[in-house]
C-alpha atoms as a PDB file:
ATOM      1  CA  MET A   1      86.463  97.566  86.028  1.00  0.00           C
ATOM      2  CA  MET A   2      87.857 100.925  86.922  1.00  0.00           C
ATOM      3  CA  ALA A   3      89.915 101.772  90.252  1.00  0.00           C
ATOM      4  CA  ILE A   4      91.113 104.548  91.970  1.00  0.00           C
ATOM      5  CA  ASP A   5      95.026 105.344  92.299  1.00  0.00           C
ATOM      6  CA  PRO A   6      95.231 105.507  96.299  1.00  0.00           C
ATOM      7  CA  VAL A   7      98.203 108.231  96.104  1.00  0.00           C
ATOM      8  CA  CYS A   8      96.671 110.602  93.293  1.00  0.00           C
ATOM      9  CA  LYS A   9      93.050 109.479  93.583  1.00  0.00           C
ATOM     10  CA  MET A  10      92.802 109.021  89.351  1.00  0.00           C
ATOM     11  CA  VAL A  11      90.736 107.069  88.154  1.00  0.00           C
ATOM     12  CA  VAL A  12      92.574 103.937  86.243  1.00  0.00           C
ATOM     13  CA  ASP A  13      91.238 101.402  83.984  1.00  0.00           C
ATOM     14  CA  GLU A  14      92.334  97.816  85.598  1.00  0.00           C
ATOM     15  CA  ALA A  15      92.513  96.129  82.108  1.00  0.00           C
ATOM     16  CA  LYS A  16      95.054  98.763  80.964  1.00  0.00           C
ATOM     17  CA  ALA A  17      97.226  99.585  84.151  1.00  0.00           C
ATOM     18  CA  ARG A  18     101.015  99.482  84.064  1.00  0.00           C
ATOM     19  CA  PHE A  19     101.752  99.984  87.661  1.00  0.00           C
ATOM     20  CA  ILE A  20     100.167  97.550  89.800  1.00  0.00           C
ATOM     21  CA  SER A  21     101.045  96.599  93.432  1.00  0.00           C
ATOM     22  CA  GLU A  22      99.751  94.079  96.034  1.00  0.00           C
ATOM     23  CA  TYR A  23      99.415  94.746  99.601  1.00  0.00           C
ATOM     24  CA  ARG A  24      98.074  92.507 102.153  1.00  0.00           C
ATOM     25  CA  GLY A  25      96.536  90.143  99.606  1.00  0.00           C
ATOM     26  CA  GLU A  26      94.831  93.191  97.754  1.00  0.00           C
ATOM     27  CA  LYS A  27      96.106  94.669  93.982  1.00  0.00           C
ATOM     28  CA  TYR A  28      96.340  98.228  94.007  1.00  0.00           C
ATOM     29  CA  TYR A  29      96.284 100.229  90.647  1.00  0.00           C
ATOM     30  CA  PHE A  30      98.406 103.457  89.484  1.00  0.00           C
ATOM     31  CA  CYS A  31      98.605 106.115  86.855  1.00  0.00           C
ATOM     32  CA  ALA A  32     102.256 106.481  87.332  1.00  0.00           C
ATOM     33  CA  PRO A  33     105.235 105.061  88.254  1.00  0.00           C
ATOM     34  CA  GLY A  34     105.637 107.845  90.860  1.00  0.00           C
ATOM     35  CA  CYS A  35     102.526 106.939  92.618  1.00  0.00           C
ATOM     36  CA  LYS A  36     103.260 103.337  92.848  1.00  0.00           C
ATOM     37  CA  LYS A  37     106.518 103.882  94.354  1.00  0.00           C
ATOM     38  CA  ALA A  38     105.190 106.239  97.130  1.00  0.00           C
ATOM     39  CA  PHE A  39     102.332 103.652  97.737  1.00  0.00           C
ATOM     40  CA  GLU A  40     105.221 100.834  98.009  1.00  0.00           C
ATOM     41  CA  LYS A  41     107.489 103.297 100.453  1.00  0.00           C
ATOM     42  CA  ASN A  42     104.484 103.690 102.957  1.00  0.00           C
ATOM     43  CA  PRO A  43     100.949 101.947 102.073  1.00  0.00           C
ATOM     44  CA  GLU A  44      99.531 102.740 105.477  1.00  0.00           C
ATOM     45  CA  ASN A  45      99.625 106.462 104.392  1.00  0.00           C
ATOM     46  CA  TYR A  46      97.322 105.954 101.622  1.00  0.00           C
ATOM     47  CA  LEU A  47      94.786 103.440 102.511  1.00  0.00           C
END
């Protein structure tokens, strides 16, 4: 299944994603550690 990185909007393969974060019971997938870090700093900004 494919997901959209909420920070940079890249398409990420959930099965191969190395950067994953959970927020309010939902999993979010990221293309790079910088996107994950930005999301975790202020998740509401990207949702």
